[in-house]
Protein backbone atom coordinates (compact mmCIF):
# COMPACT_ATOMS: atom_id res chain seq x y z
CA UNK A 1 26.39 -4.74 -75.80
CA UNK A 2 29.71 -6.05 -74.49
CA UNK A 3 30.78 -9.56 -75.48
CA UNK A 4 32.46 -11.45 -72.64
CA UNK A 5 32.62 -14.87 -74.31
CA UNK A 6 30.82 -16.42 -77.29
CA UNK A 7 27.88 -17.35 -75.06
CA UNK A 8 27.92 -14.48 -72.52
CA UNK A 9 27.02 -10.86 -73.06
CA UNK A 10 26.56 -7.74 -70.98
CA UNK A 11 23.58 -5.79 -72.34
CA UNK A 12 23.56 -1.99 -72.44
CA UNK A 13 21.08 -1.70 -69.54
CA UNK A 14 23.49 -3.47 -67.15
CA UNK A 15 26.32 -0.92 -67.38
CA UNK A 16 26.82 2.81 -67.79
CA UNK A 17 29.76 4.88 -68.99
CA UNK A 18 30.27 8.50 -68.01
CA UNK A 19 33.07 10.83 -69.04
CA UNK A 20 34.91 13.29 -66.83
CA UNK A 21 37.96 15.52 -66.82
CA UNK A 22 40.72 13.28 -65.61
CA UNK A 23 44.40 13.58 -64.93
CA UNK A 24 46.87 12.01 -67.31
CA UNK A 25 47.87 12.76 -70.89
CA UNK A 26 46.01 15.37 -72.88
CA UNK A 27 48.18 18.46 -73.07
CA UNK A 28 46.25 21.74 -72.98
CA UNK A 29 43.02 19.85 -73.67
CA UNK A 30 43.12 18.18 -70.26
CA UNK A 31 41.39 21.18 -68.65
CA UNK A 32 38.77 21.55 -71.39
CA UNK A 33 37.69 18.11 -72.58
CA UNK A 34 36.25 15.25 -70.56
CA UNK A 35 38.32 12.37 -71.91
CA UNK A 36 38.51 10.01 -68.90
CA UNK A 37 35.88 7.24 -68.76
CA UNK A 38 34.17 5.71 -65.73
CA UNK A 39 32.37 2.41 -66.32
CA UNK A 40 29.85 1.26 -63.69
CA UNK A 41 28.34 -2.24 -63.51
CA UNK A 42 25.92 -3.52 -60.88
CA UNK A 43 27.28 -7.00 -60.22
CA UNK A 44 24.27 -8.14 -58.19
CA UNK A 45 21.76 -7.48 -60.97
CA UNK A 46 23.79 -8.80 -63.92
CA UNK A 47 22.51 -11.97 -65.58
CA UNK A 48 25.73 -12.89 -67.34
CA UNK A 49 27.32 -14.46 -64.22
CA UNK A 50 26.08 -17.16 -61.87
CA UNK A 51 26.35 -16.71 -58.06
CA UNK A 52 29.71 -18.51 -57.76
CA UNK A 53 31.21 -16.37 -60.52
CA UNK A 54 29.85 -13.23 -58.88
CA UNK A 55 31.57 -14.23 -55.66
CA UNK A 56 34.89 -14.75 -57.49
CA UNK A 57 34.42 -11.40 -59.24
CA UNK A 58 33.95 -9.69 -55.86
CA UNK A 59 37.30 -11.10 -54.72
CA UNK A 60 39.05 -10.13 -57.95
CA UNK A 61 37.60 -6.61 -58.03
CA UNK A 62 39.04 -5.63 -54.64
CA UNK A 63 38.71 -1.91 -53.95
CA UNK A 64 37.04 -1.24 -57.32
CA UNK A 65 33.84 -2.61 -55.80
CA UNK A 66 31.57 -0.30 -53.81
CA UNK A 67 29.53 -1.32 -50.76
CA UNK A 68 26.30 -1.33 -52.76
CA UNK A 69 27.68 -3.85 -55.28
CA UNK A 70 28.81 -1.59 -58.12
CA UNK A 71 32.04 -2.36 -59.95
CA UNK A 72 33.68 0.91 -61.00
CA UNK A 73 36.48 0.99 -63.55
CA UNK A 74 38.15 4.30 -64.37
CA UNK A 75 40.24 4.67 -67.51
CA UNK A 76 42.31 7.80 -68.12
CA UNK A 77 45.44 6.42 -69.74
CA UNK A 78 44.79 7.80 -73.24
CA UNK A 79 44.14 11.23 -74.73
CA UNK A 80 40.81 10.42 -76.35
CA UNK A 81 37.41 9.45 -75.02
CA UNK A 82 37.10 6.50 -77.38
CA UNK A 83 40.42 4.92 -76.40
CA UNK A 84 39.66 5.35 -72.69
CA UNK A 85 36.21 3.83 -73.24
CA UNK A 86 37.75 0.82 -75.02
CA UNK A 87 40.34 0.47 -72.24
CA UNK A 88 37.64 0.42 -69.54
CA UNK A 89 35.58 -2.15 -71.46
CA UNK A 90 38.67 -4.30 -72.05
CA UNK A 91 39.51 -4.30 -68.34
CA UNK A 92 35.90 -5.19 -67.48
CA UNK A 93 35.92 -8.11 -69.93
CA UNK A 94 39.24 -9.30 -68.46
CA UNK A 95 37.77 -9.28 -64.93
CA UNK A 96 34.62 -11.10 -66.06
CA UNK A 97 36.64 -13.74 -67.93
CA UNK A 98 38.90 -14.26 -64.92
CA UNK A 99 35.86 -14.76 -62.68
CA UNK A 100 34.38 -17.37 -65.03
CA UNK A 101 37.44 -19.61 -64.71
CA UNK A 102 37.03 -22.13 -61.90
CA UNK A 103 40.32 -22.48 -60.00
CA UNK A 104 41.75 -25.98 -59.67
CA UNK A 105 41.76 -27.48 -56.21
CA UNK A 106 45.24 -28.17 -54.94
CA UNK A 107 45.90 -31.79 -54.10
CA UNK A 108 48.27 -32.08 -51.16
CA UNK A 109 51.13 -34.50 -51.72
CA UNK A 110 53.89 -35.82 -49.50
CA UNK A 111 57.48 -36.49 -50.51
CA UNK A 112 58.37 -40.15 -50.99
CA UNK A 113 60.53 -42.04 -48.52
CA UNK A 114 63.44 -41.98 -51.00
CA UNK A 115 63.10 -38.19 -51.42
CA UNK A 116 63.12 -37.69 -47.64
CA UNK A 117 66.20 -39.93 -47.27
CA UNK A 118 68.03 -38.11 -50.05
CA UNK A 119 67.23 -34.73 -48.47
CA UNK A 120 68.53 -35.94 -45.11
CA UNK A 121 71.74 -37.21 -46.75
CA UNK A 122 72.26 -33.82 -48.45
CA UNK A 123 71.76 -32.01 -45.14
CA UNK A 124 74.25 -34.29 -43.39
CA UNK A 125 76.77 -33.80 -46.19
CA UNK A 126 76.37 -30.03 -46.05
CA UNK A 127 76.72 -30.06 -42.25
CA UNK A 128 79.93 -32.07 -42.54
CA UNK A 129 81.37 -29.52 -44.98
CA UNK A 130 80.56 -26.69 -42.56
CA UNK A 131 81.94 -28.65 -39.61
CA UNK A 132 85.25 -29.06 -41.45
CA UNK A 133 85.55 -25.29 -41.88
CA UNK A 134 85.56 -24.65 -38.11
CA UNK A 135 88.66 -23.31 -36.42
CA UNK A 136 89.75 -25.54 -33.56
CA UNK A 137 92.87 -24.13 -31.82
CA UNK A 138 94.00 -27.53 -30.50
CA UNK A 139 94.37 -28.85 -34.04
CA UNK A 140 96.92 -26.16 -34.92
C-alpha cells in the first residue's frame, strides 16, 4: 500500500512494480542484476482520485502516460533495487499530490488610471532623453 495523503491510499492491486536491467550506475553488476524499477499504475481504474484529479494527472504525466491509460515511471538512478523502487514510489506520490491540488483561477486586473499616467510620463521622459542624444549636424 502506498500512502498519498492521510486520507488517500493506493492499494497493492492498483499498481505493479517490475525490475529490469537498466542503464545508469551499477559498475560490473549492471550487466548481471536487474536493479532498475518500472512502476505501472492504471489511472482509469484507481479509486484514490476523482475524475477532475485524474484529468489533472493526465496533463501532469505527459509522455509517461500510455494510450491505454497506464502511468509508467522508470527509476534507474541508484545502484540497488530497493532505492530505485523507493524513488519510483516517491515520484508517483509527488505526481498524485500535485494532481490533488486545485489550481487557483487567475483574476484579471487592470492598471489604475494613476499607474497608466505614471507609465506614460516615464515613457515620455525616456523618449526625451533619447531625443537629446541624437546628432543633428545643424546644431554643431
